[in-house]
Amino acid sequence: MNRLLILSAVFLTLNILDTATTVVGLANGKATEINPFHKSLNSKGISLQFVLIKNVVVPLIFCVLLYSCLKVVTGQHRIPYYTILIGLIIFYLAVVMNNLKVINKL
């Protein structure tokens, strides 16, 4: 369970960084967001509600589902859940790095 807490803390930290860099980008007019349809939205097409839903509601639902799954699953069957969480951490790290590049902070 300690591994889950550490990975969840890293995930939530990156999620907070993603939210902060997106809001800074919105304030500067430099925010970009790529939606699932591969259309790049500039800061005029991004609403604050979209940012909050994407960065607060969805990760919260994901963390609750992951935690409940890992409470039930034991042994070697936990590996896919940890793999999903590590994949999300890598994805969010790439997103934060992209946000930093866009707002010229890197």
Protein backbone atom coordinates (compact mmCIF):
# COMPACT_ATOMS: atom_id res chain seq x y z
CA MET A 1 0.00 0.00 0.00
CA ASN A 2 2.97 2.33 0.52
CA ARG A 3 3.85 2.07 -3.18
CA LEU A 4 0.31 3.07 -4.08
CA LEU A 5 0.46 6.11 -1.82
CA ILE A 6 3.80 7.22 -3.26
CA LEU A 7 2.66 6.77 -6.86
CA SER A 8 -0.63 8.52 -6.14
CA ALA A 9 1.22 11.43 -4.54
CA VAL A 10 3.47 11.76 -7.59
CA PHE A 11 0.44 11.57 -9.89
CA LEU A 12 -1.47 14.21 -7.94
CA THR A 13 1.59 16.48 -7.80
CA LEU A 14 1.99 16.30 -11.58
CA ASN A 15 -1.73 16.88 -11.97
CA ILE A 16 -1.50 20.03 -9.83
CA LEU A 17 1.51 21.20 -11.88
CA ASP A 18 -0.47 20.58 -15.07
CA THR A 19 -3.36 22.64 -13.71
CA ALA A 20 -1.06 25.46 -12.61
CA THR A 21 0.85 25.62 -15.89
CA THR A 22 -2.38 25.52 -17.89
CA VAL A 23 -3.87 28.37 -15.85
CA VAL A 24 -0.65 30.40 -16.24
CA GLY A 25 -0.78 29.73 -19.96
CA LEU A 26 -4.41 30.83 -20.08
CA ALA A 27 -3.55 34.03 -18.22
CA ASN A 28 -0.71 34.76 -20.67
CA GLY A 29 -2.75 33.77 -23.70
CA LYS A 30 -0.28 31.01 -24.57
CA ALA A 31 -2.12 27.91 -23.33
CA THR A 32 -2.51 25.01 -25.70
CA GLU A 33 -4.57 21.90 -25.26
CA ILE A 34 -4.83 18.91 -27.54
CA ASN A 35 -8.17 17.18 -27.40
CA PRO A 36 -8.82 13.52 -28.32
CA PHE A 37 -9.78 14.56 -31.86
CA HIS A 38 -6.22 15.84 -32.43
CA LYS A 39 -7.37 19.43 -32.74
CA SER A 40 -5.06 21.87 -31.04
CA LEU A 41 -6.94 24.48 -29.07
CA ASN A 42 -5.35 27.82 -28.40
CA SER A 43 -6.10 29.78 -25.24
CA LYS A 44 -9.23 31.32 -26.79
CA GLY A 45 -10.77 27.85 -27.24
CA ILE A 46 -10.05 26.64 -23.71
CA SER A 47 -12.46 27.43 -20.92
CA LEU A 48 -11.57 27.37 -17.24
CA GLN A 49 -14.37 24.85 -16.67
CA PHE A 50 -12.71 22.49 -19.14
CA VAL A 51 -9.40 22.81 -17.29
CA LEU A 52 -11.03 22.15 -13.92
CA ILE A 53 -12.98 19.13 -15.14
CA LYS A 54 -9.92 17.69 -16.89
CA ASN A 55 -7.52 18.31 -14.03
CA VAL A 56 -9.69 17.91 -10.93
CA VAL A 57 -12.77 15.79 -11.56
CA VAL A 58 -11.35 13.15 -13.91
CA PRO A 59 -8.18 12.42 -11.85
CA LEU A 60 -10.24 12.28 -8.65
CA ILE A 61 -12.58 9.70 -10.19
CA PHE A 62 -9.57 7.78 -11.50
CA CYS A 63 -7.84 7.74 -8.09
CA VAL A 64 -10.99 6.52 -6.33
CA LEU A 65 -11.47 3.73 -8.89
CA LEU A 66 -7.82 2.72 -8.75
CA TYR A 67 -7.80 2.70 -4.94
CA SER A 68 -10.98 0.61 -4.77
CA CYS A 69 -9.62 -1.86 -7.34
CA LEU A 70 -6.34 -2.25 -5.47
CA LYS A 71 -8.20 -2.82 -2.19
CA VAL A 72 -9.96 -5.84 -3.74
CA VAL A 73 -7.16 -7.25 -5.94
CA THR A 74 -4.24 -9.04 -4.30
CA GLY A 75 -0.95 -10.62 -5.31
CA GLN A 76 0.37 -10.59 -8.86
CA HIS A 77 -2.92 -9.26 -10.19
CA ARG A 78 -2.02 -5.80 -8.88
CA ILE A 79 0.74 -5.31 -11.48
CA PRO A 80 -1.58 -3.99 -14.27
CA TYR A 81 -2.99 -1.35 -11.93
CA TYR A 82 0.47 -0.14 -10.97
CA THR A 83 1.44 -0.16 -14.66
CA ILE A 84 -1.56 2.04 -15.51
CA LEU A 85 -0.64 4.48 -12.75
CA ILE A 86 3.01 4.64 -13.86
CA GLY A 87 1.86 5.21 -17.45
CA LEU A 88 -0.34 8.09 -16.31
CA ILE A 89 2.54 9.59 -14.36
CA ILE A 90 4.74 9.50 -17.47
CA PHE A 91 1.94 11.02 -19.55
CA TYR A 92 1.37 13.85 -17.06
CA LEU A 93 5.11 14.49 -16.89
CA ALA A 94 5.14 14.93 -20.68
CA VAL A 95 2.10 17.22 -20.47
CA VAL A 96 3.71 19.41 -17.80
CA MET A 97 6.95 19.61 -19.80
CA ASN A 98 4.96 20.64 -22.89
CA ASN A 99 3.08 23.29 -20.90
CA LEU A 100 6.37 24.67 -19.58
CA LYS A 101 7.79 24.83 -23.10
CA VAL A 102 4.68 26.63 -24.34
CA ILE A 103 4.79 29.31 -21.67
CA ASN A 104 8.56 29.70 -22.17
CA LYS A 105 9.50 28.72 -18.64
CA LEU A 106 11.80 25.86 -19.61
